[in-house]
C-alpha atoms as a PDB file:
ATOM      1  CA  MET A   1      15.454   7.283  -7.496  1.00  0.00           C
ATOM      2  CA  THR A   2      13.906  10.389  -9.004  1.00  0.00           C
ATOM      3  CA  GLY A   3      15.854  10.034 -12.225  1.00  0.00           C
ATOM      4  CA  VAL A   4      14.259   6.614 -12.807  1.00  0.00           C
ATOM      5  CA  LEU A   5      10.802   7.127 -11.374  1.00  0.00           C
ATOM      6  CA  SER A   6       9.982  10.527 -12.806  1.00  0.00           C
ATOM      7  CA  GLN A   7      10.247   9.432 -16.433  1.00  0.00           C
ATOM      8  CA  ALA A   8       6.909   9.116 -18.202  1.00  0.00           C
ATOM      9  CA  GLU A   9       6.454   5.749 -19.866  1.00  0.00           C
ATOM     10  CA  PRO A  10       4.647   5.117 -23.136  1.00  0.00           C
ATOM     11  CA  SER A  11       1.060   3.986 -22.859  1.00  0.00           C
ATOM     12  CA  VAL A  12       1.227   0.281 -23.688  1.00  0.00           C
ATOM     13  CA  PRO A  13      -0.640  -2.695 -22.277  1.00  0.00           C
ATOM     14  CA  PRO A  14       0.458  -3.469 -18.689  1.00  0.00           C
ATOM     15  CA  ALA A  15       1.352  -7.059 -19.517  1.00  0.00           C
ATOM     16  CA  ARG A  16       4.040  -5.864 -21.942  1.00  0.00           C
ATOM     17  CA  ARG A  17       5.681  -3.502 -19.457  1.00  0.00           C
ATOM     18  CA  TRP A  18       6.795  -6.050 -16.885  1.00  0.00           C
ATOM     19  CA  SER A  19      10.511  -5.969 -16.218  1.00  0.00           C
ATOM     20  CA  PRO A  20      12.767  -6.804 -13.249  1.00  0.00           C
ATOM     21  CA  ALA A  21      13.024  -3.057 -12.467  1.00  0.00           C
ATOM     22  CA  HIS A  22       9.239  -2.669 -12.379  1.00  0.00           C
ATOM     23  CA  LEU A  23       8.813  -5.711 -10.143  1.00  0.00           C
ATOM     24  CA  ALA A  24      11.593  -4.462  -7.847  1.00  0.00           C
ATOM     25  CA  ALA A  25       9.755  -1.130  -7.510  1.00  0.00           C
ATOM     26  CA  LEU A  26       6.488  -2.860  -6.624  1.00  0.00           C
ATOM     27  CA  LEU A  27       8.123  -5.128  -4.060  1.00  0.00           C
ATOM     28  CA  GLY A  28      10.167  -2.200  -2.708  1.00  0.00           C
ATOM     29  CA  ALA A  29       6.932  -0.296  -2.143  1.00  0.00           C
ATOM     30  CA  ASN A  30       5.509  -3.146  -0.100  1.00  0.00           C
ATOM     31  CA  PHE A  31       8.740  -3.488   1.888  1.00  0.00           C
ATOM     32  CA  ALA A  32       8.622   0.199   2.885  1.00  0.00           C
ATOM     33  CA  LEU A  33       4.899   0.057   3.664  1.00  0.00           C
ATOM     34  CA  ALA A  34       5.352  -3.066   5.803  1.00  0.00           C
ATOM     35  CA  LEU A  35       7.381  -0.991   8.288  1.00  0.00           C
ATOM     36  CA  GLY A  36       4.434   1.354   8.913  1.00  0.00           C
ATOM     37  CA  PRO A  37       2.681  -0.474  11.799  1.00  0.00           C
ATOM     38  CA  TRP A  38       5.914  -0.693  13.821  1.00  0.00           C
ATOM     39  CA  LEU A  39       6.592   3.049  13.397  1.00  0.00           C
ATOM     40  CA  VAL A  40       3.002   3.991  14.289  1.00  0.00           C
ATOM     41  CA  ARG A  41       3.426   2.076  17.551  1.00  0.00           C
ATOM     42  CA  LEU A  42       6.659   3.970  18.284  1.00  0.00           C
ATOM     43  CA  ALA A  43       5.066   7.410  17.755  1.00  0.00           C
ATOM     44  CA  ASP A  44       4.034   9.252  20.922  1.00  0.00           C
ATOM     45  CA  THR A  45       1.073  10.994  19.265  1.00  0.00           C
ATOM     46  CA  GLY A  46      -2.354   9.491  18.777  1.00  0.00           C
ATOM     47  CA  PRO A  47      -2.578   6.895  15.985  1.00  0.00           C
ATOM     48  CA  VAL A  48      -4.623   9.087  13.624  1.00  0.00           C
ATOM     49  CA  ALA A  49      -2.370  12.056  14.409  1.00  0.00           C
ATOM     50  CA  ALA A  50       0.589   9.898  13.354  1.00  0.00           C
ATOM     51  CA  GLY A  51      -1.141   9.498   9.987  1.00  0.00           C
ATOM     52  CA  PHE A  52      -1.534  13.273   9.731  1.00  0.00           C
ATOM     53  CA  TRP A  53       2.185  13.809  10.376  1.00  0.00           C
ATOM     54  CA  ARG A  54       3.067  11.026   7.938  1.00  0.00           C
ATOM     55  CA  LEU A  55       1.430  13.067   5.172  1.00  0.00           C
ATOM     56  CA  THR A  56       2.389  16.537   6.363  1.00  0.00           C
ATOM     57  CA  ILE A  57       6.100  15.879   6.927  1.00  0.00           C
ATOM     58  CA  ALA A  58       6.339  14.175   3.545  1.00  0.00           C
ATOM     59  CA  LEU A  59       4.673  17.061   1.644  1.00  0.00           C
ATOM     60  CA  PRO A  60       7.776  19.242   1.020  1.00  0.00           C
ATOM     61  CA  VAL A  61       9.739  16.248  -0.283  1.00  0.00           C
ATOM     62  CA  ILE A  62       6.873  15.128  -2.523  1.00  0.00           C
ATOM     63  CA  LEU A  63       6.463  18.690  -3.820  1.00  0.00           C
ATOM     64  CA  ALA A  64      10.155  18.913  -4.703  1.00  0.00           C
ATOM     65  CA  LEU A  65      10.016  15.560  -6.518  1.00  0.00           C
ATOM     66  CA  SER A  66       6.852  16.538  -8.395  1.00  0.00           C
ATOM     67  CA  LEU A  67       8.516  19.710  -9.716  1.00  0.00           C
ATOM     68  CA  ARG A  68      11.061  17.501 -11.495  1.00  0.00           C
ATOM     69  CA  GLU A  69       8.302  15.990 -13.626  1.00  0.00           C
ATOM     70  CA  PRO A  70       7.308  17.481 -17.017  1.00  0.00           C
ATOM     71  CA  PRO A  71       4.722  20.325 -16.767  1.00  0.00           C
ATOM     72  CA  SER A  72       2.259  18.286 -18.826  1.00  0.00           C
ATOM     73  CA  ARG A  73       2.414  15.551 -16.162  1.00  0.00           C
ATOM     74  CA  ARG A  74       1.770  17.985 -13.287  1.00  0.00           C
ATOM     75  CA  HIS A  75      -1.410  19.687 -14.477  1.00  0.00           C
ATOM     76  CA  VAL A  76      -4.596  18.381 -12.866  1.00  0.00           C
ATOM     77  CA  ALA A  77      -8.150  19.545 -13.575  1.00  0.00           C
ATOM     78  CA  GLY A  78     -11.690  18.368 -14.252  1.00  0.00           C
ATOM     79  CA  GLY A  79     -12.373  14.674 -13.919  1.00  0.00           C
ATOM     80  CA  THR A  80      -8.772  13.900 -13.024  1.00  0.00           C
ATOM     81  CA  LEU A  81      -8.940  16.349 -10.099  1.00  0.00           C
ATOM     82  CA  ALA A  82     -12.135  14.686  -8.876  1.00  0.00           C
ATOM     83  CA  LEU A  83     -10.486  11.251  -9.075  1.00  0.00           C
ATOM     84  CA  VAL A  84      -7.398  12.392  -7.193  1.00  0.00           C
ATOM     85  CA  ALA A  85      -9.399  14.226  -4.522  1.00  0.00           C
ATOM     86  CA  GLY A  86     -11.629  11.192  -4.030  1.00  0.00           C
ATOM     87  CA  ALA A  87      -8.599   8.933  -3.809  1.00  0.00           C
ATOM     88  CA  GLY A  88      -7.032  11.249  -1.225  1.00  0.00           C
ATOM     89  CA  ALA A  89     -10.197  11.115   0.890  1.00  0.00           C
ATOM     90  CA  PHE A  90     -10.260   7.300   0.728  1.00  0.00           C
ATOM     91  CA  PHE A  91      -6.575   7.215   1.639  1.00  0.00           C
ATOM     92  CA  ALA A  92      -7.178   9.417   4.694  1.00  0.00           C
ATOM     93  CA  LEU A  93     -10.018   7.139   5.820  1.00  0.00           C
ATOM     94  CA  ASP A  94      -7.764   4.134   5.226  1.00  0.00           C
ATOM     95  CA  LEU A  95      -4.983   5.571   7.392  1.00  0.00           C
ATOM     96  CA  ALA A  96      -7.383   6.653  10.143  1.00  0.00           C
ATOM     97  CA  SER A  97      -9.021   3.213  10.325  1.00  0.00           C
ATOM     98  CA  TRP A  98      -5.773   1.284  10.008  1.00  0.00           C
ATOM     99  CA  HIS A  99      -3.875   3.328  12.600  1.00  0.00           C
ATOM    100  CA  ILE A 100      -6.716   2.941  15.101  1.00  0.00           C
ATOM    101  CA  GLY A 101      -6.609  -0.783  14.433  1.00  0.00           C
ATOM    102  CA  ILE A 102      -2.808  -0.897  14.850  1.00  0.00           C
ATOM    103  CA  ALA A 103      -3.202   0.674  18.291  1.00  0.00           C
ATOM    104  CA  THR A 104      -5.870  -1.779  19.430  1.00  0.00           C
ATOM    105  CA  THR A 105      -4.923  -5.158  17.942  1.00  0.00           C
ATOM    106  CA  LYS A 106      -1.824  -7.245  17.323  1.00  0.00           C
ATOM    107  CA  LEU A 107       0.525  -6.143  14.560  1.00  0.00           C
ATOM    108  CA  GLY A 108       0.042  -9.510  12.876  1.00  0.00           C
ATOM    109  CA  ASN A 109      -3.706  -8.958  12.730  1.00  0.00           C
ATOM    110  CA  ALA A 110      -3.239  -5.390  11.502  1.00  0.00           C
ATOM    111  CA  SER A 111      -0.907  -6.458   8.692  1.00  0.00           C
ATOM    112  CA  LEU A 112      -3.185  -9.222   7.464  1.00  0.00           C
ATOM    113  CA  PHE A 113      -6.537  -7.463   7.775  1.00  0.00           C
ATOM    114  CA  GLY A 114      -5.146  -4.114   6.598  1.00  0.00           C
ATOM    115  CA  ASN A 115      -4.256  -5.752   3.274  1.00  0.00           C
ATOM    116  CA  SER A 116      -7.657  -7.383   2.842  1.00  0.00           C
ATOM    117  CA  GLY A 117      -8.285  -4.909   0.020  1.00  0.00           C
ATOM    118  CA  SER A 118      -5.948  -7.035  -2.086  1.00  0.00           C
ATOM    119  CA  VAL A 119      -8.834  -9.480  -2.569  1.00  0.00           C
ATOM    120  CA  ILE A 120     -11.003  -6.645  -3.942  1.00  0.00           C
ATOM    121  CA  LEU A 121      -8.207  -5.593  -6.298  1.00  0.00           C
ATOM    122  CA  MET A 122      -7.718  -9.124  -7.578  1.00  0.00           C
ATOM    123  CA  ALA A 123     -11.460  -9.562  -8.173  1.00  0.00           C
ATOM    124  CA  TRP A 124     -11.734  -6.159  -9.858  1.00  0.00           C
ATOM    125  CA  GLY A 125      -8.803  -6.963 -12.119  1.00  0.00           C
ATOM    126  CA  LEU A 126     -10.710  -9.935 -13.510  1.00  0.00           C
ATOM    127  CA  ILE A 127     -14.007  -8.035 -13.764  1.00  0.00           C
ATOM    128  CA  ALA A 128     -12.361  -5.145 -15.613  1.00  0.00           C
ATOM    129  CA  ALA A 129     -10.795  -7.588 -18.076  1.00  0.00           C
ATOM    130  CA  ARG A 130     -14.319  -8.841 -18.921  1.00  0.00           C
ATOM    131  CA  ARG A 131     -13.221 -12.430 -19.172  1.00  0.00           C
ATOM    132  CA  ALA A 132     -13.074 -15.594 -17.135  1.00  0.00           C
ATOM    133  CA  PRO A 133      -9.905 -15.997 -15.075  1.00  0.00           C
ATOM    134  CA  ARG A 134      -7.130 -17.985 -16.712  1.00  0.00           C
ATOM    135  CA  ALA A 135      -5.821 -21.096 -15.034  1.00  0.00           C
ATOM    136  CA  LEU A 136      -2.536 -19.436 -14.053  1.00  0.00           C
ATOM    137  CA  GLU A 137      -4.388 -16.468 -12.546  1.00  0.00           C
ATOM    138  CA  VAL A 138      -6.568 -18.746 -10.418  1.00  0.00           C
ATOM    139  CA  ALA A 139      -3.472 -20.659  -9.334  1.00  0.00           C
ATOM    140  CA  ALA A 140      -1.698 -17.377  -8.485  1.00  0.00           C
ATOM    141  CA  ILE A 141      -4.591 -16.175  -6.320  1.00  0.00           C
ATOM    142  CA  VAL A 142      -4.846 -19.503  -4.470  1.00  0.00           C
ATOM    143  CA  ALA A 143      -1.071 -19.634  -3.922  1.00  0.00           C
ATOM    144  CA  ALA A 144      -0.936 -16.021  -2.682  1.00  0.00           C
ATOM    145  CA  LEU A 145      -3.807 -16.464  -0.210  1.00  0.00           C
ATOM    146  CA  ALA A 146      -2.366 -19.754   1.030  1.00  0.00           C
ATOM    147  CA  GLY A 147       1.097 -18.204   1.420  1.00  0.00           C
ATOM    148  CA  ALA A 148      -0.253 -15.214   3.357  1.00  0.00           C
ATOM    149  CA  ALA A 149      -2.294 -17.515   5.607  1.00  0.00           C
ATOM    150  CA  LEU A 150       0.754 -19.667   6.381  1.00  0.00           C
ATOM    151  CA  LEU A 151       2.911 -16.637   7.172  1.00  0.00           C
ATOM    152  CA  MET A 152       0.375 -15.054   9.470  1.00  0.00           C
ATOM    153  CA  GLY A 153      -0.886 -18.300  11.008  1.00  0.00           C
ATOM    154  CA  GLY A 154       1.621 -18.210  13.833  1.00  0.00           C
ATOM    155  CA  SER A 155       0.888 -14.646  14.943  1.00  0.00           C
ATOM    156  CA  LEU A 156      -2.757 -14.193  13.986  1.00  0.00           C
ATOM    157  CA  GLU A 157      -4.994 -14.138  17.021  1.00  0.00           C
ATOM    158  CA  VAL A 158      -8.646 -13.174  16.806  1.00  0.00           C
ATOM    159  CA  SER A 159      -9.966 -12.456  20.304  1.00  0.00           C
ATOM    160  CA  HIS A 160     -12.568 -10.304  22.026  1.00  0.00           C
ATOM    161  CA  ALA A 161      -9.854  -7.845  23.056  1.00  0.00           C
ATOM    162  CA  SER A 162      -8.698  -7.266  19.508  1.00  0.00           C
ATOM    163  CA  PHE A 163     -12.031  -7.693  17.710  1.00  0.00           C
ATOM    164  CA  VAL A 164     -12.724  -3.969  17.348  1.00  0.00           C
ATOM    165  CA  GLY A 165      -9.197  -3.310  16.114  1.00  0.00           C
ATOM    166  CA  ASP A 166      -9.560  -6.148  13.592  1.00  0.00           C
ATOM    167  CA  LEU A 167     -12.745  -4.555  12.254  1.00  0.00           C
ATOM    168  CA  PHE A 168     -11.021  -1.197  11.843  1.00  0.00           C
ATOM    169  CA  CYS A 169      -8.191  -2.872   9.903  1.00  0.00           C
ATOM    170  CA  LEU A 170     -10.658  -4.704   7.669  1.00  0.00           C
ATOM    171  CA  LEU A 171     -12.402  -1.386   6.991  1.00  0.00           C
ATOM    172  CA  ALA A 172      -9.019   0.150   6.166  1.00  0.00           C
ATOM    173  CA  GLY A 173      -8.402  -2.571   3.578  1.00  0.00           C
ATOM    174  CA  PHE A 174     -11.738  -1.709   1.946  1.00  0.00           C
ATOM    175  CA  PHE A 175     -10.830   2.001   1.759  1.00  0.00           C
ATOM    176  CA  TYR A 176      -7.339   1.232   0.437  1.00  0.00           C
ATOM    177  CA  ALA A 177      -8.679  -0.826  -2.461  1.00  0.00           C
ATOM    178  CA  PHE A 178     -10.792   2.119  -3.645  1.00  0.00           C
ATOM    179  CA  TYR A 179      -7.811   4.461  -3.206  1.00  0.00           C
ATOM    180  CA  ILE A 180      -5.779   2.286  -5.590  1.00  0.00           C
ATOM    181  CA  LEU A 181      -8.620   1.862  -8.088  1.00  0.00           C
ATOM    182  CA  MET A 182      -9.281   5.617  -8.262  1.00  0.00           C
ATOM    183  CA  LEU A 183      -5.599   6.473  -8.712  1.00  0.00           C
ATOM    184  CA  ARG A 184      -5.051   4.047 -11.592  1.00  0.00           C
ATOM    185  CA  PRO A 185      -6.823   6.073 -14.350  1.00  0.00           C
ATOM    186  CA  ALA A 186      -5.352   9.331 -13.015  1.00  0.00           C
ATOM    187  CA  ARG A 187      -1.870   7.773 -13.213  1.00  0.00           C
ATOM    188  CA  GLU A 188      -2.213   7.681 -17.010  1.00  0.00           C
ATOM    189  CA  ARG A 189      -2.309  11.499 -17.049  1.00  0.00           C
ATOM    190  CA  LEU A 190      -0.106  12.514 -14.113  1.00  0.00           C
ATOM    191  CA  GLY A 191       3.430  11.795 -12.950  1.00  0.00           C
ATOM    192  CA  GLN A 192       3.605   9.618  -9.846  1.00  0.00           C
ATOM    193  CA  PHE A 193       4.791  12.361  -7.483  1.00  0.00           C
ATOM    194  CA  SER A 194       2.328  14.930  -8.849  1.00  0.00           C
ATOM    195  CA  LEU A 195      -0.418  12.409  -8.253  1.00  0.00           C
ATOM    196  CA  LEU A 196       0.905  11.662  -4.775  1.00  0.00           C
ATOM    197  CA  LEU A 197       1.128  15.398  -4.026  1.00  0.00           C
ATOM    198  CA  TRP A 198      -2.557  16.042  -4.735  1.00  0.00           C
ATOM    199  CA  SER A 199      -3.800  12.953  -2.892  1.00  0.00           C
ATOM    200  CA  THR A 200      -1.613  13.857   0.107  1.00  0.00           C
ATOM    201  CA  LEU A 201      -2.874  17.448   0.129  1.00  0.00           C
ATOM    202  CA  THR A 202      -6.434  16.134   0.199  1.00  0.00           C
ATOM    203  CA  GLY A 203      -5.851  13.534   2.889  1.00  0.00           C
ATOM    204  CA  ALA A 204      -3.827  15.506   5.467  1.00  0.00           C
ATOM    205  CA  PRO A 205      -6.600  17.931   6.563  1.00  0.00           C
ATOM    206  CA  ILE A 206      -9.082  15.067   6.902  1.00  0.00           C
ATOM    207  CA  LEU A 207      -6.728  13.207   9.238  1.00  0.00           C
ATOM    208  CA  LEU A 208      -6.143  16.331  11.347  1.00  0.00           C
ATOM    209  CA  VAL A 209      -9.895  16.847  11.746  1.00  0.00           C
ATOM    210  CA  VAL A 210     -10.444  13.199  12.739  1.00  0.00           C
ATOM    211  CA  ALA A 211      -7.536  13.231  15.212  1.00  0.00           C
ATOM    212  CA  THR A 212      -8.843  16.442  16.808  1.00  0.00           C
ATOM    213  CA  MET A 213     -12.381  15.072  17.061  1.00  0.00           C
ATOM    214  CA  LEU A 214     -11.033  11.950  18.788  1.00  0.00           C
ATOM    215  CA  GLY A 215      -9.129  14.119  21.286  1.00  0.00           C
ATOM    216  CA  GLU A 216      -5.765  12.607  20.395  1.00  0.00           C
ATOM    217  CA  PRO A 217      -2.437  14.231  21.320  1.00  0.00           C
ATOM    218  CA  ILE A 218      -1.257  15.948  18.131  1.00  0.00           C
ATOM    219  CA  LEU A 219       2.242  17.281  18.826  1.00  0.00           C
ATOM    220  CA  PRO A 220       4.947  14.680  19.508  1.00  0.00           C
ATOM    221  CA  ASP A 221       7.880  14.895  21.905  1.00  0.00           C
ATOM    222  CA  ASP A 222       9.991  12.590  19.730  1.00  0.00           C
ATOM    223  CA  TRP A 223       9.846  13.376  16.012  1.00  0.00           C
ATOM    224  CA  ARG A 224      12.073  10.491  14.871  1.00  0.00           C
ATOM    225  CA  PRO A 225       9.413   7.773  14.422  1.00  0.00           C
ATOM    226  CA  LEU A 226       7.208  10.224  12.513  1.00  0.00           C
ATOM    227  CA  LEU A 227      10.077  11.314  10.262  1.00  0.00           C
ATOM    228  CA  MET A 228      10.874   7.681   9.508  1.00  0.00           C
ATOM    229  CA  LEU A 229       7.184   6.954   8.903  1.00  0.00           C
ATOM    230  CA  ALA A 230       6.832   9.879   6.488  1.00  0.00           C
ATOM    231  CA  MET A 231       9.943   9.035   4.478  1.00  0.00           C
ATOM    232  CA  SER A 232       9.551   5.243   4.377  1.00  0.00           C
ATOM    233  CA  SER A 233       5.792   4.849   4.031  1.00  0.00           C
ATOM    234  CA  GLN A 234       4.689   8.016   2.239  1.00  0.00           C
ATOM    235  CA  VAL A 235       7.614   9.123   0.072  1.00  0.00           C
ATOM    236  CA  ILE A 236       9.253   5.776  -0.741  1.00  0.00           C
ATOM    237  CA  GLY A 237       6.388   3.320  -0.226  1.00  0.00           C
ATOM    238  CA  GLN A 238       3.572   5.302  -1.832  1.00  0.00           C
ATOM    239  CA  GLY A 239       5.915   6.829  -4.428  1.00  0.00           C
ATOM    240  CA  LEU A 240       6.988   3.399  -5.651  1.00  0.00           C
ATOM    241  CA  LEU A 241       3.460   2.013  -5.436  1.00  0.00           C
ATOM    242  CA  ILE A 242       1.996   4.816  -7.565  1.00  0.00           C
ATOM    243  CA  TYR A 243       4.859   4.384 -10.027  1.00  0.00           C
ATOM    244  CA  SER A 244       3.869   0.715 -10.281  1.00  0.00           C
ATOM    245  CA  LEU A 245       0.195   1.430 -10.999  1.00  0.00           C
ATOM    246  CA  LYS A 246       0.993   2.202 -14.628  1.00  0.00           C
ATOM    247  CA  ASN A 247       2.935  -1.007 -15.103  1.00  0.00           C
ATOM    248  CA  PHE A 248       0.725  -3.655 -13.503  1.00  0.00           C
ATOM    249  CA  ALA A 249      -2.869  -4.807 -13.669  1.00  0.00           C
ATOM    250  CA  PRO A 250      -4.976  -4.638 -10.447  1.00  0.00           C
ATOM    251  CA  LEU A 251      -4.669  -8.413 -10.105  1.00  0.00           C
ATOM    252  CA  VAL A 252      -0.882  -8.196  -9.781  1.00  0.00           C
ATOM    253  CA  ILE A 253      -1.059  -5.161  -7.460  1.00  0.00           C
ATOM    254  CA  GLY A 254      -3.402  -7.137  -5.216  1.00  0.00           C
ATOM    255  CA  LEU A 255      -1.092 -10.144  -5.209  1.00  0.00           C
ATOM    256  CA  ALA A 256       1.891  -7.941  -4.385  1.00  0.00           C
ATOM    257  CA  LEU A 257       0.112  -6.474  -1.347  1.00  0.00           C
ATOM    258  CA  LEU A 258       0.085  -9.960   0.104  1.00  0.00           C
ATOM    259  CA  THR A 259       3.902 -10.001   0.151  1.00  0.00           C
ATOM    260  CA  GLN A 260       3.855  -7.679   3.171  1.00  0.00           C
ATOM    261  CA  PRO A 261       3.407 -10.559   5.669  1.00  0.00           C
ATOM    262  CA  ALA A 262       6.499 -12.187   4.139  1.00  0.00           C
ATOM    263  CA  ILE A 263       8.424  -8.930   4.476  1.00  0.00           C
ATOM    264  CA  SER A 264       7.317  -8.641   8.105  1.00  0.00           C
ATOM    265  CA  ALA A 265       8.544 -12.179   8.810  1.00  0.00           C
ATOM    266  CA  LEU A 266      11.914 -11.479   7.183  1.00  0.00           C
ATOM    267  CA  THR A 267      12.255  -8.205   9.092  1.00  0.00           C
ATOM    268  CA  GLY A 268      11.603 -10.011  12.370  1.00  0.00           C
ATOM    269  CA  TRP A 269      14.247 -12.603  11.514  1.00  0.00           C
ATOM    270  CA  LEU A 270      16.895 -10.058  10.475  1.00  0.00           C
ATOM    271  CA  ALA A 271      16.254  -7.406  13.134  1.00  0.00           C
ATOM    272  CA  PHE A 272      15.120  -9.440  16.139  1.00  0.00           C
ATOM    273  CA  GLY A 273      16.395 -12.962  15.506  1.00  0.00           C
ATOM    274  CA  GLU A 274      12.890 -14.393  15.289  1.00  0.00           C
ATOM    275  CA  VAL A 275      12.973 -17.985  14.054  1.00  0.00           C
ATOM    276  CA  LEU A 276      11.379 -18.645  10.663  1.00  0.00           C
ATOM    277  CA  SER A 277       9.353 -21.840  10.732  1.00  0.00           C
ATOM    278  CA  ALA A 278       8.928 -24.268   7.856  1.00  0.00           C
ATOM    279  CA  GLY A 279       5.464 -22.763   7.359  1.00  0.00           C
ATOM    280  CA  ASP A 280       6.974 -19.279   7.017  1.00  0.00           C
ATOM    281  CA  LEU A 281       9.435 -20.462   4.373  1.00  0.00           C
ATOM    282  CA  LEU A 282       6.690 -22.321   2.492  1.00  0.00           C
ATOM    283  CA  GLY A 283       4.522 -19.204   2.621  1.00  0.00           C
ATOM    284  CA  MET A 284       7.301 -17.105   1.076  1.00  0.00           C
ATOM    285  CA  LEU A 285       7.797 -19.676  -1.684  1.00  0.00           C
ATOM    286  CA  LEU A 286       4.060 -19.686  -2.418  1.00  0.00           C
ATOM    287  CA  LEU A 287       4.006 -15.880  -2.671  1.00  0.00           C
ATOM    288  CA  ALA A 288       7.030 -15.882  -4.982  1.00  0.00           C
ATOM    289  CA  GLY A 289       5.356 -18.534  -7.098  1.00  0.00           C
ATOM    290  CA  ALA A 290       2.126 -16.510  -7.172  1.00  0.00           C
ATOM    291  CA  LEU A 291       3.890 -13.487  -8.655  1.00  0.00           C
ATOM    292  CA  THR A 292       5.622 -15.694 -11.219  1.00  0.00           C
ATOM    293  CA  MET A 293       2.321 -17.285 -12.263  1.00  0.00           C
ATOM    294  CA  ALA A 294       0.634 -13.858 -12.348  1.00  0.00           C
ATOM    295  CA  ARG A 295       3.275 -12.596 -14.756  1.00  0.00           C
ATOM    296  CA  ALA A 296       2.769 -15.572 -17.047  1.00  0.00           C
ATOM    297  CA  GLY A 297      -1.008 -15.417 -16.811  1.00  0.00           C
ATOM    298  CA  ASP A 298      -1.147 -11.653 -17.411  1.00  0.00           C
ATOM    299  CA  LYS A 299       0.189 -11.903 -20.969  1.00  0.00           C
ATOM    300  CA  PRO A 300      -2.293 -11.169 -23.779  1.00  0.00           C
ATOM    301  CA  ALA A 301      -4.140 -14.164 -25.116  1.00  0.00           C
END
C-alpha cells in the first residue's frame, strides 16, 4: 500500500485524475471507516477514550509511513501548520461527539447521522466551483440521498432514548466536514501520511483531556478491539481518505461518505447472515449510480 499511496501526484484538476485505482482507494477508505462503530462498542474503555487509543496506537505506524515520503512532502510550517492543527482539533471533536453518540444510540442512527457532514461537503463543492450545479450533479446528490435513506430506513429509529445520541452524531458530522475541508488545501503541500501524522498528534491529547474530564475508564483490559480500530479506521481508513482528497472534488467526497450505510448492510449480510431487502439492493444501486453520475458531471465544461 505504501508504495502506491506515498507517491506525490502532479497538480492537475481533480476531474482529470479519476481512475479505477483512485475510486477504489476512496471506497476502501469508507469500507474501513464503516467498521468503526462496531469496534467502539466492543472496546471496554469509555467511548472517547477509545478515540484516544485509536489515534495513539496508530501513531507509530503513521510515523513510519510518513518517513517514506519525500522530505519536501513532510515539512509543515506557517499557514499549513495552522490548517493541519485546526483540522486535528476538529477531528478530535468529531471523534468525541461521534463515539459518545455510538454509545447512546443505535448503530444505524450513528452511521447515518455521523455522515451528515457529507451534505455540507456536497454544498461546499458547488459553492467553491462558483457555478450553478450541473444536471448530473443534482441527479447524483438526489440519488445518493435517496439510496442512503433506503438503506438506513429499516434500522433508523429516532426515539426519546436515542435523541441525545443522535444529536451528538449530527454534531460529529458537522465537525467532520470542517476536518475534511481544512485538510484539502494542506494535502496539496504534504504527503498523506505526513498530513495524517500532524492531525493525529493534534487530536490525541484533546481526546485524552475530554475522556478524563468525563471520568471515563482509560486503560482497557482487552486491547484487541482498540488495535483493530486503530489499524482499520485510522491507518487504513484515514490514510486512504486523505490520499483521495487530492484526487476528488468535495462533492464526490461527500457522495462517497454516503456509501458507508451500503457497506454496513453488506457487512451484516456477509458476517451475520442478515437478509438484504429489495430496498437495500435498490439503495446500493442508487449509490453506485450517484458516483457514476458524479464522475460524468465533474468533468470540465
